[in-house]
């Protein structure tokens, strides 16, 4: 029965990783993102099949249990995600403001009578 749970978890990790790989910005960002997702997928699969490795790693870095280590890693990942999303939205806002200004200038009536 445990192998079924492990297989379901691995399939979930693989699907989640594929979703994260899609989309993107420039080539450098995409390369870093894909490498990080690949490392996440490898770590997740190893922790599913060998949970004792995660517990040993947790003790090695000074955390009591492997689940606590995973929680800390999730919190850090979430904070990084929030930060990058905030930066992306700020950049989009700046671009949208420039575009709105350009359109307003282009559509403004010309003072010298040109339609």
PDB file of N, CA and C in Angstrom:
ATOM      1  N   UNK A   1       0.815  -1.195   0.000  1.00  0.00           N
ATOM      2  CA  UNK A   1       0.000   0.000   0.000  1.00  0.00           C
ATOM      3  C   UNK A   1       0.862   1.266   0.000  1.00  0.00           C
ATOM      4  N   UNK A   2       2.007   1.222   0.700  1.00  0.00           N
ATOM      5  CA  UNK A   2       2.860   2.402   0.786  1.00  0.00           C
ATOM      6  C   UNK A   2       3.419   2.786  -0.587  1.00  0.00           C
ATOM      7  N   UNK A   3       3.647   1.807  -1.464  1.00  0.00           N
ATOM      8  CA  UNK A   3       4.178   2.105  -2.794  1.00  0.00           C
ATOM      9  C   UNK A   3       3.157   2.901  -3.610  1.00  0.00           C
ATOM     10  N   UNK A   4       1.875   2.656  -3.403  1.00  0.00           N
ATOM     11  CA  UNK A   4       0.836   3.402  -4.126  1.00  0.00           C
ATOM     12  C   UNK A   4       0.857   4.865  -3.705  1.00  0.00           C
ATOM     13  N   UNK A   5       0.978   5.098  -2.403  1.00  0.00           N
ATOM     14  CA  UNK A   5       1.049   6.472  -1.902  1.00  0.00           C
ATOM     15  C   UNK A   5       2.291   7.166  -2.460  1.00  0.00           C
ATOM     16  N   UNK A   6       3.409   6.448  -2.463  1.00  0.00           N
ATOM     17  CA  UNK A   6       4.644   7.029  -2.992  1.00  0.00           C
ATOM     18  C   UNK A   6       4.502   7.379  -4.470  1.00  0.00           C
ATOM     19  N   UNK A   7       3.895   6.486  -5.240  1.00  0.00           N
ATOM     20  CA  UNK A   7       3.717   6.750  -6.665  1.00  0.00           C
ATOM     21  C   UNK A   7       2.792   7.947  -6.901  1.00  0.00           C
ATOM     22  N   UNK A   8       1.721   8.055  -6.125  1.00  0.00           N
ATOM     23  CA  UNK A   8       0.812   9.205  -6.258  1.00  0.00           C
ATOM     24  C   UNK A   8       1.552  10.490  -5.931  1.00  0.00           C
ATOM     25  N   UNK A   9       2.350  10.480  -4.879  1.00  0.00           N
ATOM     26  CA  UNK A   9       3.118  11.672  -4.511  1.00  0.00           C
ATOM     27  C   UNK A   9       4.135  12.043  -5.594  1.00  0.00           C
ATOM     28  N   UNK A  10       4.809  11.052  -6.155  1.00  0.00           N
ATOM     29  CA  UNK A  10       5.789  11.326  -7.211  1.00  0.00           C
ATOM     30  C   UNK A  10       5.094  11.907  -8.433  1.00  0.00           C
ATOM     31  N   UNK A  11       3.962  11.357  -8.806  1.00  0.00           N
ATOM     32  CA  UNK A  11       3.217  11.892  -9.954  1.00  0.00           C
ATOM     33  C   UNK A  11       2.784  13.329  -9.676  1.00  0.00           C
ATOM     34  N   UNK A  12       2.341  13.595  -8.450  1.00  0.00           N
ATOM     35  CA  UNK A  12       1.971  14.961  -8.080  1.00  0.00           C
ATOM     36  C   UNK A  12       3.145  15.919  -8.175  1.00  0.00           C
ATOM     37  N   UNK A  13       4.305  15.493  -7.715  1.00  0.00           N
ATOM     38  CA  UNK A  13       5.505  16.332  -7.790  1.00  0.00           C
ATOM     39  C   UNK A  13       5.883  16.601  -9.244  1.00  0.00           C
ATOM     40  N   UNK A  14       5.821  15.576 -10.066  1.00  0.00           N
ATOM     41  CA  UNK A  14       6.179  15.739 -11.482  1.00  0.00           C
ATOM     42  C   UNK A  14       5.206  16.700 -12.166  1.00  0.00           C
ATOM     43  N   UNK A  15       3.912  16.545 -11.916  1.00  0.00           N
ATOM     44  CA  UNK A  15       2.932  17.447 -12.527  1.00  0.00           C
ATOM     45  C   UNK A  15       3.122  18.883 -12.046  1.00  0.00           C
ATOM     46  N   UNK A  16       3.360  19.055 -10.758  1.00  0.00           N
ATOM     47  CA  UNK A  16       3.614  20.396 -10.207  1.00  0.00           C
ATOM     48  C   UNK A  16       4.848  21.016 -10.842  1.00  0.00           C
ATOM     49  N   UNK A  17       5.887  20.221 -11.012  1.00  0.00           N
ATOM     50  CA  UNK A  17       7.122  20.711 -11.630  1.00  0.00           C
ATOM     51  C   UNK A  17       6.892  21.132 -13.077  1.00  0.00           C
ATOM     52  N   UNK A  18       6.115  20.357 -13.813  1.00  0.00           N
ATOM     53  CA  UNK A  18       5.830  20.703 -15.202  1.00  0.00           C
ATOM     54  C   UNK A  18       5.050  22.004 -15.301  1.00  0.00           C
ATOM     55  N   UNK A  19       4.122  22.214 -14.370  1.00  0.00           N
ATOM     56  CA  UNK A  19       3.356  23.459 -14.367  1.00  0.00           C
ATOM     57  C   UNK A  19       4.279  24.640 -14.094  1.00  0.00           C
ATOM     58  N   UNK A  20       5.225  24.477 -13.172  1.00  0.00           N
ATOM     59  CA  UNK A  20       6.145  25.573 -12.854  1.00  0.00           C
ATOM     60  C   UNK A  20       7.105  25.885 -13.994  1.00  0.00           C
ATOM     61  N   UNK A  21       7.461  24.883 -14.767  1.00  0.00           N
ATOM     62  CA  UNK A  21       8.412  25.088 -15.863  1.00  0.00           C
ATOM     63  C   UNK A  21       7.789  25.915 -16.975  1.00  0.00           C
ATOM     64  N   UNK A  22       6.488  25.772 -17.199  1.00  0.00           N
ATOM     65  CA  UNK A  22       5.826  26.499 -18.283  1.00  0.00           C
ATOM     66  C   UNK A  22       5.795  27.985 -18.005  1.00  0.00           C
ATOM     67  N   UNK A  23       5.637  28.778 -19.039  1.00  0.00           N
ATOM     68  CA  UNK A  23       5.573  30.233 -18.885  1.00  0.00           C
ATOM     69  C   UNK A  23       6.965  30.815 -18.750  1.00  0.00           C
ATOM     70  N   UNK A  24       7.048  32.132 -18.498  1.00  0.00           N
ATOM     71  CA  UNK A  24       8.352  32.703 -18.236  1.00  0.00           C
ATOM     72  C   UNK A  24       8.595  34.038 -18.874  1.00  0.00           C
ATOM     73  N   UNK A  25       9.807  34.511 -18.681  1.00  0.00           N
ATOM     74  CA  UNK A  25      10.214  35.824 -19.160  1.00  0.00           C
ATOM     75  C   UNK A  25      11.371  35.677 -20.127  1.00  0.00           C
ATOM     76  N   UNK A  26      12.537  36.115 -19.697  1.00  0.00           N
ATOM     77  CA  UNK A  26      13.701  36.021 -20.567  1.00  0.00           C
ATOM     78  C   UNK A  26      14.384  34.661 -20.406  1.00  0.00           C
ATOM     79  N   UNK A  27      15.383  34.411 -21.224  1.00  0.00           N
ATOM     80  CA  UNK A  27      16.022  33.090 -21.250  1.00  0.00           C
ATOM     81  C   UNK A  27      16.775  32.790 -19.954  1.00  0.00           C
ATOM     82  N   UNK A  28      17.425  33.799 -19.387  1.00  0.00           N
ATOM     83  CA  UNK A  28      18.185  33.565 -18.149  1.00  0.00           C
ATOM     84  C   UNK A  28      17.250  33.193 -17.008  1.00  0.00           C
ATOM     85  N   UNK A  29      16.159  33.930 -16.900  1.00  0.00           N
ATOM     86  CA  UNK A  29      15.175  33.642 -15.850  1.00  0.00           C
ATOM     87  C   UNK A  29      14.614  32.233 -16.009  1.00  0.00           C
ATOM     88  N   UNK A  30      14.305  31.877 -17.225  1.00  0.00           N
ATOM     89  CA  UNK A  30      13.735  30.557 -17.473  1.00  0.00           C
ATOM     90  C   UNK A  30      14.724  29.445 -17.153  1.00  0.00           C
ATOM     91  N   UNK A  31      16.006  29.652 -17.473  1.00  0.00           N
ATOM     92  CA  UNK A  31      17.006  28.624 -17.188  1.00  0.00           C
ATOM     93  C   UNK A  31      17.142  28.412 -15.683  1.00  0.00           C
ATOM     94  N   UNK A  32      17.208  29.501 -14.932  1.00  0.00           N
ATOM     95  CA  UNK A  32      17.322  29.388 -13.477  1.00  0.00           C
ATOM     96  C   UNK A  32      16.072  28.732 -12.906  1.00  0.00           C
ATOM     97  N   UNK A  33      14.929  29.133 -13.404  1.00  0.00           N
ATOM     98  CA  UNK A  33      13.667  28.574 -12.922  1.00  0.00           C
ATOM     99  C   UNK A  33      13.589  27.071 -13.187  1.00  0.00           C
ATOM    100  N   UNK A  34      13.999  26.656 -14.364  1.00  0.00           N
ATOM    101  CA  UNK A  34      13.956  25.227 -14.698  1.00  0.00           C
ATOM    102  C   UNK A  34      14.937  24.420 -13.859  1.00  0.00           C
ATOM    103  N   UNK A  35      16.105  24.960 -13.601  1.00  0.00           N
ATOM    104  CA  UNK A  35      17.075  24.266 -12.755  1.00  0.00           C
ATOM    105  C   UNK A  35      16.528  24.122 -11.342  1.00  0.00           C
ATOM    106  N   UNK A  36      15.922  25.187 -10.810  1.00  0.00           N
ATOM    107  CA  UNK A  36      15.363  25.129  -9.463  1.00  0.00           C
ATOM    108  C   UNK A  36      14.216  24.118  -9.382  1.00  0.00           C
ATOM    109  N   UNK A  37      13.386  24.081 -10.396  1.00  0.00           N
ATOM    110  CA  UNK A  37      12.278  23.121 -10.402  1.00  0.00           C
ATOM    111  C   UNK A  37      12.812  21.702 -10.485  1.00  0.00           C
ATOM    112  N   UNK A  38      13.846  21.490 -11.287  1.00  0.00           N
ATOM    113  CA  UNK A  38      14.444  20.163 -11.393  1.00  0.00           C
ATOM    114  C   UNK A  38      15.032  19.723 -10.057  1.00  0.00           C
ATOM    115  N   UNK A  39      15.729  20.621  -9.375  1.00  0.00           N
ATOM    116  CA  UNK A  39      16.283  20.298  -8.060  1.00  0.00           C
ATOM    117  C   UNK A  39      15.171  20.005  -7.048  1.00  0.00           C
ATOM    118  N   UNK A  40      14.091  20.791  -7.115  1.00  0.00           N
ATOM    119  CA  UNK A  40      12.949  20.538  -6.237  1.00  0.00           C
ATOM    120  C   UNK A  40      12.363  19.155  -6.497  1.00  0.00           C
ATOM    121  N   UNK A  41      12.183  18.812  -7.750  1.00  0.00           N
ATOM    122  CA  UNK A  41      11.583  17.518  -8.090  1.00  0.00           C
ATOM    123  C   UNK A  41      12.465  16.366  -7.609  1.00  0.00           C
ATOM    124  N   UNK A  42      13.770  16.494  -7.788  1.00  0.00           N
ATOM    125  CA  UNK A  42      14.686  15.441  -7.333  1.00  0.00           C
ATOM    126  C   UNK A  42      14.629  15.303  -5.817  1.00  0.00           C
ATOM    127  N   UNK A  43      14.658  16.435  -5.116  1.00  0.00           N
ATOM    128  CA  UNK A  43      14.604  16.397  -3.648  1.00  0.00           C
ATOM    129  C   UNK A  43      13.281  15.818  -3.165  1.00  0.00           C
ATOM    130  N   UNK A  44      12.187  16.187  -3.824  1.00  0.00           N
ATOM    131  CA  UNK A  44      10.874  15.682  -3.408  1.00  0.00           C
ATOM    132  C   UNK A  44      10.771  14.172  -3.619  1.00  0.00           C
ATOM    133  N   UNK A  45      11.231  13.696  -4.755  1.00  0.00           N
ATOM    134  CA  UNK A  45      11.165  12.252  -5.026  1.00  0.00           C
ATOM    135  C   UNK A  45      12.043  11.492  -4.043  1.00  0.00           C
ATOM    136  N   UNK A  46      13.237  12.005  -3.776  1.00  0.00           N
ATOM    137  CA  UNK A  46      14.114  11.331  -2.802  1.00  0.00           C
ATOM    138  C   UNK A  46      13.493  11.317  -1.409  1.00  0.00           C
ATOM    139  N   UNK A  47      12.847  12.412  -1.025  1.00  0.00           N
ATOM    140  CA  UNK A  47      12.237  12.446   0.311  1.00  0.00           C
ATOM    141  C   UNK A  47      11.010  11.542   0.393  1.00  0.00           C
ATOM    142  N   UNK A  48      10.356  11.291  -0.728  1.00  0.00           N
ATOM    143  CA  UNK A  48       9.208  10.378  -0.726  1.00  0.00           C
ATOM    144  C   UNK A  48       9.669   8.931  -0.581  1.00  0.00           C
ATOM    145  N   UNK A  49      10.692   8.552  -1.345  1.00  0.00           N
ATOM    146  CA  UNK A  49      11.147   7.166  -1.300  1.00  0.00           C
ATOM    147  C   UNK A  49      12.083   6.883  -0.129  1.00  0.00           C
ATOM    148  N   UNK A  50      12.814   7.898   0.326  1.00  0.00           N
ATOM    149  CA  UNK A  50      13.772   7.719   1.423  1.00  0.00           C
ATOM    150  C   UNK A  50      13.554   8.796   2.486  1.00  0.00           C
ATOM    151  N   UNK A  51      12.483   8.695   3.264  1.00  0.00           N
ATOM    152  CA  UNK A  51      12.198   9.735   4.253  1.00  0.00           C
ATOM    153  C   UNK A  51      13.281   9.840   5.326  1.00  0.00           C
ATOM    154  N   UNK A  52      14.012   8.764   5.559  1.00  0.00           N
ATOM    155  CA  UNK A  52      15.080   8.826   6.562  1.00  0.00           C
ATOM    156  C   UNK A  52      16.208   9.768   6.119  1.00  0.00           C
ATOM    157  N   UNK A  53      16.411   9.899   4.797  1.00  0.00           N
ATOM    158  CA  UNK A  53      17.425  10.849   4.308  1.00  0.00           C
ATOM    159  C   UNK A  53      17.057  12.280   4.688  1.00  0.00           C
ATOM    160  N   UNK A  54      15.783  12.597   4.578  1.00  0.00           N
ATOM    161  CA  UNK A  54      15.321  13.933   4.934  1.00  0.00           C
ATOM    162  C   UNK A  54      15.506  14.186   6.429  1.00  0.00           C
ATOM    163  N   UNK A  55      15.221  13.176   7.236  1.00  0.00           N
ATOM    164  CA  UNK A  55      15.410  13.325   8.684  1.00  0.00           C
ATOM    165  C   UNK A  55      16.881  13.483   9.027  1.00  0.00           C
ATOM    166  N   UNK A  56      17.731  12.729   8.359  1.00  0.00           N
ATOM    167  CA  UNK A  56      19.178  12.871   8.597  1.00  0.00           C
ATOM    168  C   UNK A  56      19.675  14.249   8.180  1.00  0.00           C
ATOM    169  N   UNK A  57      19.190  14.711   7.034  1.00  0.00           N
ATOM    170  CA  UNK A  57      19.579  16.047   6.570  1.00  0.00           C
ATOM    171  C   UNK A  57      19.097  17.111   7.552  1.00  0.00           C
ATOM    172  N   UNK A  58      17.891  16.924   8.077  1.00  0.00           N
ATOM    173  CA  UNK A  58      17.361  17.876   9.055  1.00  0.00           C
ATOM    174  C   UNK A  58      18.236  17.907  10.303  1.00  0.00           C
ATOM    175  N   UNK A  59      18.619  16.741  10.804  1.00  0.00           N
ATOM    176  CA  UNK A  59      19.491  16.706  11.981  1.00  0.00           C
ATOM    177  C   UNK A  59      20.855  17.306  11.679  1.00  0.00           C
ATOM    178  N   UNK A  60      21.316  17.118  10.450  1.00  0.00           N
ATOM    179  CA  UNK A  60      22.620  17.645  10.056  1.00  0.00           C
ATOM    180  C   UNK A  60      22.633  19.170  10.078  1.00  0.00           C
ATOM    181  N   UNK A  61      21.531  19.791   9.663  1.00  0.00           N
ATOM    182  CA  UNK A  61      21.467  21.252   9.650  1.00  0.00           C
ATOM    183  C   UNK A  61      20.908  21.816  10.955  1.00  0.00           C
ATOM    184  N   UNK A  62      20.606  20.950  11.927  1.00  0.00           N
ATOM    185  CA  UNK A  62      20.187  21.422  13.242  1.00  0.00           C
ATOM    186  C   UNK A  62      18.690  21.541  13.439  1.00  0.00           C
ATOM    187  N   UNK A  63      17.910  20.897  12.585  1.00  0.00           N
ATOM    188  CA  UNK A  63      16.451  20.893  12.723  1.00  0.00           C
ATOM    189  C   UNK A  63      16.060  19.524  13.261  1.00  0.00           C
ATOM    190  N   UNK A  64      15.051  19.489  14.120  1.00  0.00           N
ATOM    191  CA  UNK A  64      14.681  18.243  14.782  1.00  0.00           C
ATOM    192  C   UNK A  64      14.169  17.151  13.856  1.00  0.00           C
ATOM    193  N   UNK A  65      13.220  17.494  12.988  1.00  0.00           N
ATOM    194  CA  UNK A  65      12.595  16.469  12.148  1.00  0.00           C
ATOM    195  C   UNK A  65      12.641  16.888  10.679  1.00  0.00           C
ATOM    196  N   UNK A  66      12.477  15.901   9.822  1.00  0.00           N
ATOM    197  CA  UNK A  66      12.454  16.173   8.390  1.00  0.00           C
ATOM    198  C   UNK A  66      11.254  16.990   7.969  1.00  0.00           C
ATOM    199  N   UNK A  67      10.107  16.768   8.628  1.00  0.00           N
ATOM    200  CA  UNK A  67       8.912  17.541   8.286  1.00  0.00           C
ATOM    201  C   UNK A  67       9.093  19.014   8.646  1.00  0.00           C
ATOM    202  N   UNK A  68       9.797  19.281   9.744  1.00  0.00           N
ATOM    203  CA  UNK A  68      10.078  20.677  10.106  1.00  0.00           C
ATOM    204  C   UNK A  68      10.970  21.330   9.054  1.00  0.00           C
ATOM    205  N   UNK A  69      11.949  20.574   8.586  1.00  0.00           N
ATOM    206  CA  UNK A  69      12.833  21.098   7.534  1.00  0.00           C
ATOM    207  C   UNK A  69      12.042  21.420   6.277  1.00  0.00           C
ATOM    208  N   UNK A  70      11.113  20.540   5.908  1.00  0.00           N
ATOM    209  CA  UNK A  70      10.278  20.788   4.741  1.00  0.00           C
ATOM    210  C   UNK A  70       9.406  22.029   4.940  1.00  0.00           C
ATOM    211  N   UNK A  71       8.870  22.214   6.142  1.00  0.00           N
ATOM    212  CA  UNK A  71       8.064  23.395   6.431  1.00  0.00           C
ATOM    213  C   UNK A  71       8.903  24.661   6.277  1.00  0.00           C
ATOM    214  N   UNK A  72      10.115  24.645   6.812  1.00  0.00           N
ATOM    215  CA  UNK A  72      10.988  25.814   6.692  1.00  0.00           C
ATOM    216  C   UNK A  72      11.327  26.098   5.233  1.00  0.00           C
ATOM    217  N   UNK A  73      11.593  25.053   4.479  1.00  0.00           N
ATOM    218  CA  UNK A  73      11.908  25.233   3.060  1.00  0.00           C
ATOM    219  C   UNK A  73      10.695  25.795   2.314  1.00  0.00           C
ATOM    220  N   UNK A  74       9.506  25.334   2.678  1.00  0.00           N
ATOM    221  CA  UNK A  74       8.295  25.846   2.053  1.00  0.00           C
ATOM    222  C   UNK A  74       8.095  27.326   2.367  1.00  0.00           C
ATOM    223  N   UNK A  75       8.328  27.705   3.603  1.00  0.00           N
ATOM    224  CA  UNK A  75       8.173  29.108   3.996  1.00  0.00           C
ATOM    225  C   UNK A  75       9.146  29.993   3.218  1.00  0.00           C
ATOM    226  N   UNK A  76      10.379  29.560   3.110  1.00  0.00           N
ATOM    227  CA  UNK A  76      11.378  30.333   2.360  1.00  0.00           C
ATOM    228  C   UNK A  76      10.979  30.424   0.892  1.00  0.00           C
ATOM    229  N   UNK A  77      10.543  29.316   0.325  1.00  0.00           N
ATOM    230  CA  UNK A  77      10.116  29.318  -1.082  1.00  0.00           C
ATOM    231  C   UNK A  77       8.939  30.252  -1.295  1.00  0.00           C
ATOM    232  N   UNK A  78       8.001  30.250  -0.375  1.00  0.00           N
ATOM    233  CA  UNK A  78       6.835  31.115  -0.493  1.00  0.00           C
ATOM    234  C   UNK A  78       7.230  32.588  -0.419  1.00  0.00           C
ATOM    235  N   UNK A  79       8.158  32.917   0.471  1.00  0.00           N
ATOM    236  CA  UNK A  79       8.618  34.299   0.578  1.00  0.00           C
ATOM    237  C   UNK A  79       9.350  34.747  -0.692  1.00  0.00           C
ATOM    238  N   UNK A  80      10.145  33.859  -1.271  1.00  0.00           N
ATOM    239  CA  UNK A  80      10.822  34.181  -2.530  1.00  0.00           C
ATOM    240  C   UNK A  80       9.794  34.386  -3.634  1.00  0.00           C
ATOM    241  N   UNK A  81       8.786  33.537  -3.675  1.00  0.00           N
ATOM    242  CA  UNK A  81       7.720  33.668  -4.671  1.00  0.00           C
ATOM    243  C   UNK A  81       7.002  35.006  -4.517  1.00  0.00           C
ATOM    244  N   UNK A  82       6.664  35.360  -3.278  1.00  0.00           N
ATOM    245  CA  UNK A  82       5.985  36.639  -3.038  1.00  0.00           C
ATOM    246  C   UNK A  82       6.853  37.809  -3.485  1.00  0.00           C
ATOM    247  N   UNK A  83       8.132  37.734  -3.213  1.00  0.00           N
ATOM    248  CA  UNK A  83       9.045  38.813  -3.578  1.00  0.00           C
ATOM    249  C   UNK A  83       9.142  38.970  -5.090  1.00  0.00           C
ATOM    250  N   UNK A  84       9.325  37.869  -5.796  1.00  0.00           N
ATOM    251  CA  UNK A  84       9.450  37.954  -7.249  1.00  0.00           C
ATOM    252  C   UNK A  84       8.141  38.389  -7.895  1.00  0.00           C
ATOM    253  N   UNK A  85       7.019  37.954  -7.330  1.00  0.00           N
ATOM    254  CA  UNK A  85       5.724  38.378  -7.865  1.00  0.00           C
ATOM    255  C   UNK A  85       5.522  39.876  -7.654  1.00  0.00           C
ATOM    256  N   UNK A  86       5.911  40.376  -6.496  1.00  0.00           N
ATOM    257  CA  UNK A  86       5.797  41.805  -6.227  1.00  0.00           C
ATOM    258  C   UNK A  86       6.652  42.610  -7.206  1.00  0.00           C
ATOM    259  N   UNK A  87       7.871  42.152  -7.450  1.00  0.00           N
ATOM    260  CA  UNK A  87       8.748  42.840  -8.405  1.00  0.00           C
ATOM    261  C   UNK A  87       8.146  42.828  -9.802  1.00  0.00           C
ATOM    262  N   UNK A  88       7.583  41.700 -10.194  1.00  0.00           N
ATOM    263  CA  UNK A  88       6.978  41.592 -11.511  1.00  0.00           C
ATOM    264  C   UNK A  88       5.789  42.547 -11.653  1.00  0.00           C
ATOM    265  N   UNK A  89       4.956  42.627 -10.627  1.00  0.00           N
ATOM    266  CA  UNK A  89       3.812  43.540 -10.670  1.00  0.00           C
ATOM    267  C   UNK A  89       4.250  44.993 -10.694  1.00  0.00           C
ATOM    268  N   UNK A  90       5.292  45.335  -9.952  1.00  0.00           N
ATOM    269  CA  UNK A  90       5.806  46.710  -9.990  1.00  0.00           C
ATOM    270  C   UNK A  90       6.295  47.059 -11.389  1.00  0.00           C
ATOM    271  N   UNK A  91       6.991  46.135 -12.032  1.00  0.00           N
ATOM    272  CA  UNK A  91       7.474  46.359 -13.392  1.00  0.00           C
ATOM    273  C   UNK A  91       6.291  46.504 -14.356  1.00  0.00           C
ATOM    274  N   UNK A  92       5.260  45.684 -14.188  1.00  0.00           N
ATOM    275  CA  UNK A  92       4.085  45.792 -15.049  1.00  0.00           C
ATOM    276  C   UNK A  92       3.363  47.117 -14.840  1.00  0.00           C
ATOM    277  N   UNK A  93       3.280  47.560 -13.600  1.00  0.00           N
ATOM    278  CA  UNK A  93       2.646  48.846 -13.322  1.00  0.00           C
ATOM    279  C   UNK A  93       3.397  49.984 -13.995  1.00  0.00           C
ATOM    280  N   UNK A  94       4.731  49.945 -13.931  1.00  0.00           N
ATOM    281  CA  UNK A  94       5.533  50.990 -14.566  1.00  0.00           C
ATOM    282  C   UNK A  94       5.334  50.973 -16.080  1.00  0.00           C
ATOM    283  N   UNK A  95       5.301  49.806 -16.669  1.00  0.00           N
ATOM    284  CA  UNK A  95       5.087  49.681 -18.105  1.00  0.00           C
ATOM    285  C   UNK A  95       3.704  50.177 -18.487  1.00  0.00           C
ATOM    286  N   UNK A  96       2.703  49.814 -17.705  1.00  0.00           N
ATOM    287  CA  UNK A  96       1.337  50.254 -17.984  1.00  0.00           C
ATOM    288  C   UNK A  96       1.205  51.773 -17.850  1.00  0.00           C
ATOM    289  N   UNK A  97       1.872  52.355 -16.876  1.00  0.00           N
ATOM    290  CA  UNK A  97       1.843  53.808 -16.715  1.00  0.00           C
ATOM    291  C   UNK A  97       2.464  54.503 -17.919  1.00  0.00           C
ATOM    292  N   UNK A  98       3.610  54.002 -18.375  1.00  0.00           N
ATOM    293  CA  UNK A  98       4.254  54.583 -19.566  1.00  0.00           C
ATOM    294  C   UNK A  98       3.348  54.466 -20.788  1.00  0.00           C
ATOM    295  N   UNK A  99       2.723  53.324 -20.937  1.00  0.00           N
ATOM    296  CA  UNK A  99       1.822  53.108 -22.074  1.00  0.00           C
ATOM    297  C   UNK A  99       0.630  54.048 -22.012  1.00  0.00           C
ATOM    298  N   UNK A 100       0.042  54.189 -20.833  1.00  0.00           N
ATOM    299  CA  UNK A 100      -1.115  55.090 -20.689  1.00  0.00           C
ATOM    300  C   UNK A 100      -0.716  56.537 -20.989  1.00  0.00           C
ATOM    301  N   UNK A 101       0.459  56.942 -20.545  1.00  0.00           N
ATOM    302  CA  UNK A 101       0.928  58.302 -20.832  1.00  0.00           C
ATOM    303  C   UNK A 101       1.149  58.502 -22.326  1.00  0.00           C
ATOM    304  N   UNK A 102       1.725  57.497 -22.963  1.00  0.00           N
ATOM    305  CA  UNK A 102       1.986  57.588 -24.405  1.00  0.00           C
ATOM    306  C   UNK A 102       0.676  57.704 -25.176  1.00  0.00           C
ATOM    307  N   UNK A 103      -0.306  56.886 -24.810  1.00  0.00           N
ATOM    308  CA  UNK A 103      -1.602  56.944 -25.481  1.00  0.00           C
ATOM    309  C   UNK A 103      -2.271  58.288 -25.244  1.00  0.00           C
ATOM    310  N   UNK A 104      -2.193  58.795 -24.014  1.00  0.00           N
ATOM    311  CA  UNK A 104      -2.798  60.098 -23.711  1.00  0.00           C
ATOM    312  C   UNK A 104      -2.143  61.204 -24.542  1.00  0.00           C
ATOM    313  N   UNK A 105      -0.835  61.160 -24.688  1.00  0.00           N
ATOM    314  CA  UNK A 105      -0.144  62.171 -25.499  1.00  0.00           C
ATOM    315  C   UNK A 105      -0.491  62.031 -26.980  1.00  0.00           C
ATOM    316  N   UNK A 106      -0.594  60.799 -27.445  1.00  0.00           N
ATOM    317  CA  UNK A 106      -0.907  60.574 -28.858  1.00  0.00           C
ATOM    318  C   UNK A 106      -2.332  61.003 -29.205  1.00  0.00           C
ATOM    319  N   UNK A 107      -3.252  60.852 -28.265  1.00  0.00           N
ATOM    320  CA  UNK A 107      -4.654  61.164 -28.538  1.00  0.00           C
ATOM    321  C   UNK A 107      -5.052  62.577 -28.118  1.00  0.00           C
ATOM    322  N   UNK A 108      -4.153  63.309 -27.521  1.00  0.00           N
ATOM    323  CA  UNK A 108      -4.471  64.682 -27.099  1.00  0.00           C
ATOM    324  C   UNK A 108      -4.603  65.574 -28.329  1.00  0.00           C
ATOM    325  N   UNK A 109      -5.522  66.547 -28.255  1.00  0.00           N
ATOM    326  CA  UNK A 109      -5.672  67.468 -29.396  1.00  0.00           C
ATOM    327  C   UNK A 109      -4.409  68.319 -29.589  1.00  0.00           C
ATOM    328  N   UNK A 110      -4.030  68.498 -30.824  1.00  0.00           N
ATOM    329  CA  UNK A 110      -2.820  69.253 -31.141  1.00  0.00           C
ATOM    330  C   UNK A 110      -3.107  70.757 -31.034  1.00  0.00           C
ATOM    331  N   UNK A 111      -2.267  71.509 -30.354  1.00  0.00           N
ATOM    332  CA  UNK A 111      -2.527  72.935 -30.170  1.00  0.00           C
ATOM    333  C   UNK A 111      -2.374  73.747 -31.463  1.00  0.00           C
ATOM    334  N   UNK A 112      -1.649  73.247 -32.429  1.00  0.00           N
ATOM    335  CA  UNK A 112      -1.433  74.003 -33.660  1.00  0.00           C
ATOM    336  C   UNK A 112      -2.444  73.675 -34.747  1.00  0.00           C
ATOM    337  N   UNK A 113      -3.514  72.978 -34.372  1.00  0.00           N
ATOM    338  CA  UNK A 113      -4.625  72.760 -35.293  1.00  0.00           C
ATOM    339  C   UNK A 113      -4.512  71.504 -36.132  1.00  0.00           C
ATOM    340  N   UNK A 114      -3.526  70.701 -35.943  1.00  0.00           N
ATOM    341  CA  UNK A 114      -3.385  69.474 -36.723  1.00  0.00           C
ATOM    342  C   UNK A 114      -4.322  68.408 -36.129  1.00  0.00           C
ATOM    343  N   UNK A 115      -5.192  67.787 -36.927  1.00  0.00           N
ATOM    344  CA  UNK A 115      -6.170  66.834 -36.412  1.00  0.00           C
ATOM    345  C   UNK A 115      -5.544  65.519 -35.949  1.00  0.00           C
TER     346      UNK A 115
END
